[in-house]
């Protein structure tokens, strides 16, 4: 049973949460401490002039009281917070800007609450298909819990940077660079969904440090240099095939319309052989990359 008490204490410390320190406004206390300091100086001057030891010691006592009062004043700037410690124990956090006063024995640690934007280093990983890619992301974050940020991790900025890079690597290995199947997610074509998933994973990883992740975006995405040329040729080939497919589909529609019009209007009565020849000629003209050379037929349709 004696060994369980330290464990309970450690568990309580790891669940530390931010709480607002109820310290008073510093201007009234500043005026009071300044008045004591001036009064003490006046008494000291009078005591020295009158060679009155009692007045001198009283002046020293007044000045000695005013010094710790003025020492307890602390300035809180916009975008900052003060984490207050008393003999190594967390007392609370001051987020209200302006001049505040705390107990002189307390130590004050400055925590930035500004919004920060960091870019992860370029990571070289393999995507879900095993292709080496280079990827980096921009992460926008801020401190939401100053107690966790001050005591939960040793180095806040380094912790966020390492966890962000780890999340980027994990997401990059979970998806393909390009989608081979219709409707499937890919790093290049589904950046909105990938960014939302990346933001959620980074937020989960940095939660012990009291950090809130506003958003994250992929800032760099490319194939690794050793396969970039091969992948470029593959993309060009896929683009050519897609264009050819579209051209053939359009040409077939035009040929079908032409044959339907000829048949419905009764302009030409073609048998199956001549119909096939016309389809072949029209497809050649419509699908060719070069302009067709017309041939004038001086004979009959069948010569």
Protein backbone atom coordinates (compact mmCIF):
# COMPACT_ATOMS: atom_id res chain seq x y z
CA UNK A 1 0.00 0.00 0.00
CA UNK A 2 2.88 2.36 0.72
CA UNK A 3 4.15 1.98 -2.84
CA UNK A 4 0.80 3.05 -4.37
CA UNK A 5 0.77 6.60 -2.97
CA UNK A 6 3.63 7.94 -5.15
CA UNK A 7 1.95 6.42 -8.22
CA UNK A 8 -1.31 8.19 -7.42
CA UNK A 9 0.58 11.45 -6.96
CA UNK A 10 2.38 11.05 -10.29
CA UNK A 11 -0.91 10.28 -12.06
CA UNK A 12 -2.42 13.43 -10.60
CA UNK A 13 0.53 15.53 -11.81
CA UNK A 14 0.31 14.16 -15.36
CA UNK A 15 -3.36 15.22 -15.53
CA UNK A 16 -2.49 18.83 -14.77
CA UNK A 17 -4.93 21.33 -16.25
CA UNK A 18 -4.72 25.06 -16.69
CA UNK A 19 -6.56 27.18 -14.16
CA UNK A 20 -6.81 30.94 -14.00
CA UNK A 21 -4.86 32.51 -11.12
CA UNK A 22 -7.05 35.00 -9.15
CA UNK A 23 -4.36 37.65 -8.78
CA UNK A 24 -5.51 41.29 -8.38
CA UNK A 25 -4.93 44.22 -10.69
CA UNK A 26 -1.43 45.63 -10.27
CA UNK A 27 -2.04 49.36 -10.61
CA UNK A 28 -3.53 49.88 -7.13
CA UNK A 29 -0.80 47.82 -5.54
CA UNK A 30 1.80 49.68 -7.59
CA UNK A 31 0.43 52.98 -6.29
CA UNK A 32 0.43 51.64 -2.72
CA UNK A 33 3.99 50.31 -2.96
CA UNK A 34 5.22 53.50 -4.59
CA UNK A 35 3.60 55.56 -1.84
CA UNK A 36 5.33 53.41 0.79
CA UNK A 37 8.64 53.82 -0.98
CA UNK A 38 8.28 57.63 -1.14
CA UNK A 39 7.17 57.79 2.48
CA UNK A 40 10.15 55.69 3.54
CA UNK A 41 12.56 57.94 1.64
CA UNK A 42 11.05 61.04 3.24
CA UNK A 43 11.31 59.48 6.70
CA UNK A 44 14.89 58.44 6.02
CA UNK A 45 15.77 61.98 4.95
CA UNK A 46 14.15 63.45 8.04
CA UNK A 47 15.84 60.92 10.32
CA UNK A 48 19.27 61.60 8.87
CA UNK A 49 18.72 65.36 9.11
CA UNK A 50 17.51 65.15 12.72
CA UNK A 51 19.90 62.35 13.65
CA UNK A 52 16.94 60.37 14.97
CA UNK A 53 17.79 56.66 15.03
CA UNK A 54 14.16 55.63 15.56
CA UNK A 55 13.01 57.52 12.49
CA UNK A 56 15.86 56.06 10.43
CA UNK A 57 15.01 52.47 11.44
CA UNK A 58 11.32 53.10 10.78
CA UNK A 59 12.15 54.46 7.32
CA UNK A 60 14.28 51.39 6.61
CA UNK A 61 11.39 49.14 7.65
CA UNK A 62 8.93 51.01 5.39
CA UNK A 63 11.30 50.79 2.42
CA UNK A 64 11.91 47.09 3.13
CA UNK A 65 8.15 46.45 3.03
CA UNK A 66 7.66 48.39 -0.21
CA UNK A 67 10.40 46.50 -2.08
CA UNK A 68 8.72 43.03 -2.11
CA UNK A 69 5.37 44.66 -2.87
CA UNK A 70 6.81 46.30 -5.98
CA UNK A 71 8.75 43.14 -6.82
CA UNK A 72 5.47 41.21 -7.07
CA UNK A 73 4.31 43.28 -10.03
CA UNK A 74 4.35 41.52 -13.39
CA UNK A 75 3.48 42.72 -16.87
CA UNK A 76 1.39 40.50 -19.15
CA UNK A 77 1.58 41.44 -22.84
CA UNK A 78 -0.91 40.52 -25.57
CA UNK A 79 -0.17 37.07 -26.98
CA UNK A 80 1.50 35.94 -23.74
CA UNK A 81 0.52 34.28 -20.48
CA UNK A 82 2.26 33.94 -17.13
CA UNK A 83 2.46 30.53 -15.48
CA UNK A 84 2.79 31.05 -11.69
CA UNK A 85 4.75 28.67 -9.46
CA UNK A 86 5.02 28.80 -5.67
CA UNK A 87 7.86 26.69 -4.29
CA UNK A 88 7.72 24.43 -7.35
CA UNK A 89 3.95 23.96 -7.24
CA UNK A 90 1.66 25.16 -10.02
CA UNK A 91 -0.66 27.89 -8.71
CA UNK A 92 -2.38 29.14 -11.85
CA UNK A 93 -2.04 31.08 -15.10
CA UNK A 94 -2.50 34.78 -15.75
CA UNK A 95 -3.96 35.48 -19.20
CA UNK A 96 -5.36 38.97 -18.53
CA UNK A 97 -3.11 41.53 -20.17
CA UNK A 98 -1.80 44.55 -18.31
CA UNK A 99 -0.11 45.00 -14.95
CA UNK A 100 -0.87 42.25 -12.43
CA UNK A 101 0.40 41.45 -8.96
CA UNK A 102 1.44 38.08 -7.55
CA UNK A 103 2.97 36.95 -4.30
CA UNK A 104 6.65 38.00 -4.37
CA UNK A 105 7.82 34.45 -3.53
CA UNK A 106 6.21 33.10 -6.72
CA UNK A 107 8.19 32.48 -9.88
CA UNK A 108 6.70 33.50 -13.22
CA UNK A 109 7.22 31.66 -16.50
CA UNK A 110 6.31 33.25 -19.83
CA UNK A 111 4.28 31.13 -22.29
CA UNK A 112 3.48 32.43 -25.76
CA UNK A 113 -0.17 32.02 -26.78
CA UNK A 114 0.30 33.45 -30.28
CA UNK A 115 -0.70 31.49 -33.36
CA UNK A 116 2.35 29.84 -34.88
CA UNK A 117 2.93 28.36 -38.32
CA UNK A 118 5.64 25.74 -38.88
CA UNK A 119 6.62 23.81 -41.99
CA UNK A 120 7.85 20.27 -41.58
CA UNK A 121 11.12 19.30 -43.26
CA UNK A 122 10.83 17.55 -46.62
CA UNK A 123 10.33 13.86 -45.84
CA UNK A 124 11.19 11.12 -48.31
CA UNK A 125 8.81 8.18 -47.82
CA UNK A 126 7.12 5.43 -49.82
CA UNK A 127 3.44 5.84 -50.60
CA UNK A 128 0.89 3.03 -50.37
CA UNK A 129 2.06 1.68 -53.76
CA UNK A 130 5.70 1.67 -52.67
CA UNK A 131 6.73 4.63 -54.83
CA UNK A 132 9.23 7.01 -53.20
CA UNK A 133 7.80 10.51 -52.81
CA UNK A 134 8.81 13.76 -51.17
CA UNK A 135 6.26 15.46 -48.94
CA UNK A 136 6.09 18.37 -46.48
CA UNK A 137 3.25 20.15 -44.68
CA UNK A 138 2.47 23.45 -42.99
CA UNK A 139 0.98 23.21 -39.49
CA UNK A 140 -0.80 26.13 -37.81
CA UNK A 141 -1.05 25.75 -34.02
CA UNK A 142 -1.34 27.59 -30.73
CA UNK A 143 -1.09 26.85 -27.02
CA UNK A 144 -4.50 26.10 -25.54
CA UNK A 145 -3.44 24.79 -22.11
CA UNK A 146 -0.47 26.66 -20.64
CA UNK A 147 -0.03 24.22 -17.77
CA UNK A 148 0.45 21.25 -20.11
CA UNK A 149 2.66 23.33 -22.40
CA UNK A 150 4.90 24.34 -19.49
CA UNK A 151 5.13 21.04 -17.63
CA UNK A 152 3.92 18.33 -20.04
CA UNK A 153 6.94 18.33 -22.37
CA UNK A 154 10.56 19.36 -22.12
CA UNK A 155 10.74 21.44 -25.33
CA UNK A 156 7.38 22.50 -26.74
CA UNK A 157 8.50 23.65 -30.21
CA UNK A 158 10.64 20.56 -30.79
CA UNK A 159 7.87 18.27 -29.59
CA UNK A 160 5.32 19.79 -31.98
CA UNK A 161 7.82 19.64 -34.88
CA UNK A 162 8.67 15.96 -34.30
CA UNK A 163 5.04 14.89 -33.87
CA UNK A 164 3.98 16.83 -36.97
CA UNK A 165 6.67 15.18 -39.09
CA UNK A 166 5.68 11.76 -37.74
CA UNK A 167 2.04 12.36 -38.63
CA UNK A 168 2.98 13.53 -42.14
CA UNK A 169 5.02 10.38 -42.72
CA UNK A 170 2.22 8.15 -41.45
CA UNK A 171 -0.44 9.77 -43.65
CA UNK A 172 1.86 9.70 -46.70
CA UNK A 173 2.39 5.95 -46.39
CA UNK A 174 -1.36 5.33 -46.06
CA UNK A 175 -2.34 6.65 -49.52
CA UNK A 176 -1.12 6.44 -53.08
CA UNK A 177 0.30 9.45 -54.85
CA UNK A 178 -2.17 9.00 -57.72
CA UNK A 179 -5.49 7.19 -57.57
CA UNK A 180 -5.71 4.19 -59.91
CA UNK A 181 -9.35 3.49 -59.03
CA UNK A 182 -12.26 5.86 -59.49
CA UNK A 183 -13.45 7.26 -56.15
CA UNK A 184 -10.34 6.20 -54.21
CA UNK A 185 -8.44 8.80 -52.23
CA UNK A 186 -4.95 9.86 -53.22
CA UNK A 187 -2.42 12.37 -51.97
CA UNK A 188 -2.60 14.48 -55.12
CA UNK A 189 -6.32 14.39 -55.86
CA UNK A 190 -7.86 14.38 -52.35
CA UNK A 191 -5.90 17.08 -50.59
CA UNK A 192 -8.91 18.45 -48.68
CA UNK A 193 -9.70 15.07 -47.11
CA UNK A 194 -6.02 14.29 -46.53
CA UNK A 195 -5.51 17.68 -44.83
CA UNK A 196 -8.45 17.03 -42.48
CA UNK A 197 -7.09 13.62 -41.56
CA UNK A 198 -3.59 15.03 -41.08
CA UNK A 199 -4.92 17.79 -38.81
CA UNK A 200 -6.80 15.28 -36.67
CA UNK A 201 -3.76 13.02 -36.30
CA UNK A 202 -1.40 15.88 -35.40
CA UNK A 203 -3.94 17.20 -32.87
CA UNK A 204 -4.11 13.80 -31.20
CA UNK A 205 -0.34 13.51 -31.02
CA UNK A 206 0.28 16.98 -29.53
CA UNK A 207 -2.68 16.93 -27.10
CA UNK A 208 -0.44 16.01 -24.08
CA UNK A 209 1.39 19.33 -24.62
CA UNK A 210 -1.80 21.41 -24.46
CA UNK A 211 -1.53 22.41 -28.13
CA UNK A 212 -4.50 23.15 -30.37
CA UNK A 213 -3.95 22.55 -34.09
CA UNK A 214 -5.93 25.01 -36.21
CA UNK A 215 -5.15 23.49 -39.59
CA UNK A 216 -2.53 21.71 -41.64
CA UNK A 217 -1.90 21.64 -45.37
CA UNK A 218 0.41 19.71 -47.67
CA UNK A 219 2.89 22.29 -48.95
CA UNK A 220 5.08 20.03 -51.10
CA UNK A 221 4.24 16.80 -52.88
CA UNK A 222 6.28 15.22 -55.65
CA UNK A 223 7.86 11.98 -56.74
CA UNK A 224 11.42 11.36 -55.64
CA UNK A 225 14.03 12.44 -58.24
CA UNK A 226 15.03 8.86 -59.09
CA UNK A 227 11.56 8.01 -60.45
CA UNK A 228 10.26 11.46 -61.37
CA UNK A 229 11.06 11.12 -65.10
CA UNK A 230 9.51 7.65 -65.34
CA UNK A 231 6.36 8.80 -63.56
CA UNK A 232 6.15 11.85 -65.80
CA UNK A 233 6.25 9.65 -68.88
CA UNK A 234 3.56 7.44 -67.37
CA UNK A 235 1.35 10.44 -66.67
CA UNK A 236 1.87 11.70 -70.23
CA UNK A 237 0.98 8.28 -71.62
CA UNK A 238 -2.17 8.14 -69.50
CA UNK A 239 -3.12 11.62 -70.69
CA UNK A 240 -2.64 10.60 -74.35
CA UNK A 241 -4.74 7.46 -73.85
CA UNK A 242 -7.50 9.45 -72.17
CA UNK A 243 -7.48 12.01 -74.99
CA UNK A 244 -7.58 9.30 -77.65
CA UNK A 245 -10.46 7.61 -75.90
CA UNK A 246 -12.39 10.86 -75.83
CA UNK A 247 -11.70 11.48 -79.53
CA UNK A 248 -12.84 7.98 -80.51
CA UNK A 249 -16.01 8.29 -78.46
CA UNK A 250 -16.81 11.61 -80.12
CA UNK A 251 -16.04 10.25 -83.59
CA UNK A 252 -18.31 7.24 -83.06
CA UNK A 253 -21.13 9.54 -82.04
CA UNK A 254 -20.65 11.70 -85.13
CA UNK A 255 -20.56 8.65 -87.44
CA UNK A 256 -23.69 7.24 -85.87
CA UNK A 257 -25.50 10.55 -86.33
CA UNK A 258 -24.37 10.79 -89.95
CA UNK A 259 -25.59 7.27 -90.82
CA UNK A 260 -28.87 7.87 -89.02
CA UNK A 261 -29.47 11.11 -90.93
CA UNK A 262 -28.64 9.50 -94.28
CA UNK A 263 -30.99 6.62 -93.59
CA UNK A 264 -33.85 8.74 -92.23
CA UNK A 265 -33.67 11.32 -95.02
CA UNK A 266 -33.38 8.65 -97.72
CA UNK A 267 -30.47 10.42 -99.42
CA UNK A 268 -28.31 7.33 -99.97
CA UNK A 269 -29.22 3.66 -99.72
CA UNK A 270 -26.10 1.83 -98.61
CA UNK A 271 -25.61 -1.88 -98.27
CA UNK A 272 -23.62 -3.35 -95.41
CA UNK A 273 -20.31 -3.33 -97.28
CA UNK A 274 -20.56 0.33 -98.28
CA UNK A 275 -21.82 1.27 -94.85
CA UNK A 276 -18.72 -0.34 -93.31
CA UNK A 277 -16.48 1.47 -95.79
CA UNK A 278 -18.09 4.81 -94.95
CA UNK A 279 -17.70 4.18 -91.22
CA UNK A 280 -14.03 3.33 -91.75
CA UNK A 281 -13.40 6.45 -93.83
CA UNK A 282 -15.19 8.75 -91.40
CA UNK A 283 -13.29 7.33 -88.43
CA UNK A 284 -10.00 7.82 -90.24
CA UNK A 285 -10.85 11.44 -91.04
CA UNK A 286 -12.14 12.26 -87.55
CA UNK A 287 -9.47 10.44 -85.52
CA UNK A 288 -6.42 11.31 -87.62
CA UNK A 289 -3.93 13.82 -86.26
CA UNK A 290 -3.31 15.19 -89.77
CA UNK A 291 -5.68 16.84 -92.21
CA UNK A 292 -7.37 14.41 -94.57
CA UNK A 293 -6.53 14.57 -98.29
CA UNK A 294 -9.76 14.46 -100.31
CA UNK A 295 -10.00 12.07 -103.27
CA UNK A 296 -12.45 12.91 -106.06
CA UNK A 297 -14.32 9.84 -107.26
CA UNK A 298 -15.07 10.28 -110.98
CA UNK A 299 -16.75 6.91 -111.30
CA UNK A 300 -19.68 5.29 -109.58
CA UNK A 301 -20.08 4.63 -105.91
CA UNK A 302 -18.86 1.06 -106.37
CA UNK A 303 -15.72 1.86 -108.42
